[in-house]
Protein backbone atom coordinates (compact mmCIF):
# COMPACT_ATOMS: atom_id res chain seq x y z
CA UNK A 1 0.37 -0.06 -0.10
CA UNK A 2 1.20 3.42 -0.47
CA UNK A 3 -0.01 6.94 0.06
CA UNK A 4 -0.07 9.89 -2.09
CA UNK A 5 -1.14 13.43 -0.39
CA UNK A 6 -3.12 15.70 -2.56
CA UNK A 7 -5.21 18.38 -1.53
CA UNK A 8 -4.37 17.72 1.98
CA UNK A 9 -5.95 14.46 1.58
CA UNK A 10 -4.78 10.93 1.59
CA UNK A 11 -5.23 8.81 -1.19
CA UNK A 12 -3.96 5.50 -1.10
CA UNK A 13 -2.79 2.92 -4.02
CA UNK A 14 -4.90 -0.46 -3.26
CA UNK A 15 -4.35 -3.38 -4.85
CA UNK A 16 -7.09 -5.90 -4.78
CA UNK A 17 -7.19 -9.82 -3.38
CA UNK A 18 -7.71 -12.17 -5.86
CA UNK A 19 -7.17 -9.55 -8.73
CA UNK A 20 -4.35 -8.64 -10.93
CA UNK A 21 -2.12 -6.23 -8.84
CA UNK A 22 -1.70 -4.30 -12.40
CA UNK A 23 -5.19 -3.66 -11.72
CA UNK A 24 -4.19 -1.31 -8.68
CA UNK A 25 -6.03 1.98 -8.19
CA UNK A 26 -5.81 5.12 -6.50
CA UNK A 27 -8.86 5.82 -4.23
CA UNK A 28 -9.03 8.52 -2.00
CA UNK A 29 -10.38 6.74 1.44
CA UNK A 30 -11.21 10.01 2.94
CA UNK A 31 -13.69 10.66 0.49
CA UNK A 32 -17.66 9.96 1.96
CA UNK A 33 -18.43 9.21 -1.28
CA UNK A 34 -15.99 6.31 -1.37
CA UNK A 35 -15.85 4.55 1.77
CA UNK A 36 -17.58 4.93 4.52
CA UNK A 37 -15.08 3.11 6.84
CA UNK A 38 -11.06 2.50 5.82
CA UNK A 39 -9.34 0.09 8.01
CA UNK A 40 -5.53 -0.65 7.69
CA UNK A 41 -3.84 -3.72 9.59
CA UNK A 42 -3.00 -2.98 13.18
CA UNK A 43 -1.58 -5.91 15.06
CA UNK A 44 -1.47 -10.26 15.47
CA UNK A 45 -3.32 -11.41 18.33
CA UNK A 46 -4.27 -14.56 19.59
CA UNK A 47 -8.68 -14.67 18.42
CA UNK A 48 -10.46 -17.78 19.73
CA UNK A 49 -12.76 -19.64 16.99
CA UNK A 50 -14.52 -22.86 16.95
CA UNK A 51 -12.92 -25.94 14.83
CA UNK A 52 -15.51 -28.61 15.08
CA UNK A 53 -16.32 -28.94 18.37
CA UNK A 54 -13.49 -27.73 20.23
CA UNK A 55 -12.88 -24.23 20.52
CA UNK A 56 -8.93 -22.91 19.95
CA UNK A 57 -6.92 -19.53 19.66
CA UNK A 58 -5.61 -18.66 16.04
CA UNK A 59 -3.19 -15.96 15.23
CA UNK A 60 -5.84 -13.22 13.76
CA UNK A 61 -5.12 -9.80 12.26
CA UNK A 62 -6.69 -6.75 14.27
CA UNK A 63 -7.26 -3.34 12.57
CA UNK A 64 -7.32 0.58 13.27
CA UNK A 65 -9.23 3.03 11.13
CA UNK A 66 -7.60 5.19 8.92
CA UNK A 67 -10.43 7.17 7.87
CA UNK A 68 -14.15 6.36 9.44
CA UNK A 69 -17.77 7.93 9.06
CA UNK A 70 -19.19 5.32 11.44
CA UNK A 71 -18.35 4.41 14.94
CA UNK A 72 -17.59 0.26 15.32
CA UNK A 73 -19.19 -0.71 18.16
CA UNK A 74 -16.66 -2.22 20.84
CA UNK A 75 -17.60 -5.81 20.52
CA UNK A 76 -17.90 -6.11 17.31
CA UNK A 77 -14.51 -5.17 15.80
CA UNK A 78 -13.17 -6.89 12.56
CA UNK A 79 -10.65 -9.96 13.30
CA UNK A 80 -8.93 -11.76 10.24
CA UNK A 81 -7.56 -15.38 11.13
CA UNK A 82 -4.30 -15.92 9.49
CA UNK A 83 -4.32 -18.84 6.74
CA UNK A 84 -7.89 -19.02 5.62
CA UNK A 85 -8.75 -15.52 6.24
CA UNK A 86 -11.84 -16.30 8.25
CA UNK A 87 -13.42 -12.77 8.94
CA UNK A 88 -15.09 -12.12 12.08
CA UNK A 89 -15.94 -9.36 14.94
CA UNK A 90 -14.97 -9.48 18.16
CA UNK A 91 -14.40 -7.62 21.48
CA UNK A 92 -10.35 -6.15 21.11
CA UNK A 93 -10.00 -6.02 25.14
CA UNK A 94 -10.71 -9.64 24.91
CA UNK A 95 -8.26 -10.80 22.92
CA UNK A 96 -4.93 -11.91 23.71
CA UNK A 97 -1.26 -9.97 22.22
CA UNK A 98 0.54 -12.48 19.85
CA UNK A 99 4.06 -12.99 21.64
CA UNK A 100 4.98 -16.54 20.26
CA UNK A 101 4.10 -19.51 18.36
CA UNK A 102 2.29 -21.82 20.78
CA UNK A 103 0.45 -25.03 18.50
CA UNK A 104 -1.29 -26.33 21.67
CA UNK A 105 -3.42 -22.63 20.89
CA UNK A 106 -3.49 -23.08 17.66
CA UNK A 107 -5.12 -26.94 18.18
CA UNK A 108 -2.53 -29.28 17.87
CA UNK A 109 -3.98 -30.90 20.93
CA UNK A 110 -7.83 -30.46 18.92
CA UNK A 111 -6.74 -32.20 15.83
CA UNK A 112 -5.66 -29.58 13.40
CA UNK A 113 -3.63 -30.75 10.80
CA UNK A 114 0.57 -30.36 10.73
CA UNK A 115 0.16 -28.82 7.52
CA UNK A 116 -2.22 -25.94 8.64
CA UNK A 117 0.07 -25.35 11.80
CA UNK A 118 3.08 -25.00 9.44
CA UNK A 119 1.24 -22.59 7.24
CA UNK A 120 -0.22 -20.81 10.26
CA UNK A 121 3.48 -20.27 11.94
CA UNK A 122 5.28 -19.59 8.79
CA UNK A 123 2.26 -16.79 8.04
CA UNK A 124 2.61 -15.29 11.73
CA UNK A 125 6.42 -14.80 11.35
CA UNK A 126 6.47 -13.72 8.39
CA UNK A 127 3.93 -10.80 9.51
CA UNK A 128 5.65 -9.67 12.50
CA UNK A 129 9.45 -9.85 10.51
CA UNK A 130 7.71 -7.66 8.39
CA UNK A 131 6.16 -4.97 10.54
CA UNK A 132 9.31 -5.35 12.54
CA UNK A 133 11.53 -3.99 9.59
CA UNK A 134 9.00 -1.94 8.78
CA UNK A 135 9.49 -0.12 12.06
CA UNK A 136 13.02 0.13 11.53
CA UNK A 137 12.47 1.64 8.39
CA UNK A 138 10.46 4.64 9.96
CA UNK A 139 11.91 5.11 13.26
CA UNK A 140 15.58 4.21 12.86
CA UNK A 141 16.57 4.81 8.93
CA UNK A 142 20.36 6.04 10.21
CA UNK A 143 21.36 2.85 10.90
CA UNK A 144 20.36 1.08 7.43
CA UNK A 145 23.34 2.41 5.32
CA UNK A 146 24.16 -0.66 3.02
CA UNK A 147 21.11 -2.64 3.59
CA UNK A 148 19.57 -4.05 1.12
CA UNK A 149 15.59 -3.47 0.47
CA UNK A 150 12.25 -4.09 -1.50
CA UNK A 151 11.00 -1.34 -2.53
CA UNK A 152 7.39 -1.20 -3.84
CA UNK A 153 7.11 0.08 -7.14
CA UNK A 154 3.93 3.05 -7.28
CA UNK A 155 4.72 3.49 -11.10
CA UNK A 156 6.37 1.08 -13.58
CA UNK A 157 6.18 -2.63 -15.29
CA UNK A 158 6.96 -4.59 -12.27
CA UNK A 159 5.54 -4.45 -8.88
CA UNK A 160 8.76 -4.50 -6.47
CA UNK A 161 12.06 -3.61 -7.21
CA UNK A 162 14.95 -4.35 -5.21
CA UNK A 163 17.44 -1.98 -3.99
CA UNK A 164 20.78 -0.73 -1.39
CA UNK A 165 19.67 1.84 0.80
CA UNK A 166 22.55 4.51 0.50
CA UNK A 167 21.62 7.76 2.44
CA UNK A 168 19.11 8.88 4.47
CA UNK A 169 17.63 12.35 5.21
CA UNK A 170 17.65 12.83 8.94
CA UNK A 171 15.29 15.34 8.87
CA UNK A 172 12.50 14.10 6.49
CA UNK A 173 13.03 10.18 7.21
CA UNK A 174 13.82 9.89 3.38
CA UNK A 175 15.96 7.10 2.07
CA UNK A 176 18.08 7.46 -0.46
CA UNK A 177 18.16 3.94 -2.21
CA UNK A 178 19.86 2.72 -5.63
CA UNK A 179 17.97 0.17 -7.94
CA UNK A 180 19.42 -2.91 -8.69
CA UNK A 181 17.78 -2.93 -12.14
CA UNK A 182 19.02 0.31 -13.72
CA UNK A 183 21.85 1.43 -11.10
CA UNK A 184 20.17 4.56 -10.44
CA UNK A 185 19.10 6.15 -7.24
CA UNK A 186 15.87 7.00 -6.47
CA UNK A 187 14.23 8.72 -3.11
CA UNK A 188 11.54 6.84 -0.73
CA UNK A 189 9.92 7.91 1.79
CA UNK A 190 9.66 4.31 3.91
CA UNK A 191 6.31 6.18 5.83
CA UNK A 192 4.33 6.50 2.23
CA UNK A 193 5.60 3.71 0.63
CA UNK A 194 5.90 -0.21 1.72
CA UNK A 195 9.76 -1.44 2.14
CA UNK A 196 11.08 -4.71 3.43
CA UNK A 197 14.60 -5.06 4.41
CA UNK A 198 16.22 -7.54 3.05
CA UNK A 199 19.17 -10.58 4.53
CA UNK A 200 20.47 -13.47 4.45
CA UNK A 201 18.58 -16.73 4.89
CA UNK A 202 14.61 -16.87 6.18
CA UNK A 203 15.10 -14.12 8.48
CA UNK A 204 14.88 -10.84 6.76
CA UNK A 205 15.43 -8.31 10.04
CA UNK A 206 17.89 -6.37 11.40
CA UNK A 207 19.34 -8.09 14.68
CA UNK A 208 20.42 -6.24 17.31
CA UNK A 209 22.86 -6.76 19.95
CA UNK A 210 23.95 -5.21 22.89
CA UNK A 211 27.20 -6.29 24.44
CA UNK A 212 28.20 -4.27 27.14
CA UNK A 213 27.95 -0.79 26.66
CA UNK A 214 27.34 -1.01 22.58
CA UNK A 215 24.97 -1.52 20.36
CA UNK A 216 25.79 -2.99 17.59
CA UNK A 217 23.36 -4.53 14.63
CA UNK A 218 24.01 -7.53 12.19
CA UNK A 219 22.39 -9.43 9.62
CA UNK A 220 21.50 -13.23 10.90
CA UNK A 221 24.16 -15.42 10.28
CA UNK A 222 26.93 -12.47 10.78
CA UNK A 223 29.72 -13.54 12.97
CA UNK A 224 29.96 -10.95 15.60
CA UNK A 225 32.97 -9.75 17.42
CA UNK A 226 32.94 -6.74 19.61
CA UNK A 227 33.52 -5.37 22.96
CA UNK A 228 32.18 -3.15 25.44
CA UNK A 229 34.31 -0.25 26.39
CA UNK A 230 35.00 -1.97 30.10
CA UNK A 231 36.34 -4.49 27.86
CA UNK A 232 38.56 -2.82 26.36
CA UNK A 233 39.90 -0.78 28.97
CA UNK A 234 40.30 -4.10 30.51
CA UNK A 235 42.57 -5.51 27.72
CA UNK A 236 44.52 -2.58 27.48
CA UNK A 237 45.29 -2.44 31.51
CA UNK A 238 45.89 -6.48 31.35
CA UNK A 239 48.25 -6.10 28.23
């Protein structure tokens, strides 16, 4: 999803489920003639659902309104389950935040098959990876120099392009990236255009290590050798 400021309003570039991405379109989400309510993903929770005669809890998405001309009742907030994308309405206050995968909660002892459980845990992990990466992109972009990213292409013949982050504007948060394909620099705002950090292996997050009084970052699989200032001083004294 991408946002475009226009006449002090926002238009959103929307792709529709089950429709080719090339049929995406800009929609004015704040226009009352277009939507009564427009929701975006908020967070991941454990939500109860019935599977045959058993009640289990599955990872599910909650939502927050980007614009709303109606008030959603507290006990009728939308929840979308991962995997089968079943939509139900619940009270968010009664839902348990998703912290880590728990096969028992998801129904491993209630007859849910292994392929479904595997798909659930993979989808939940992928969603959290993307969201954590987005948080880094929008809150601490200064640490991202040299990192690779996948950038949503707002205009062009392809849906995404890969690039290397080569600079950041500390005042606006905009990133300067070099497109892998044409080796051209672009300016992208991660708060307006979707970007995903890319790394080695399946995990695509930067990992932060706090060693002593130092904060360093590496990609998964990298080897780290770092000493805190106290450790360095101690070594110097010992030598």
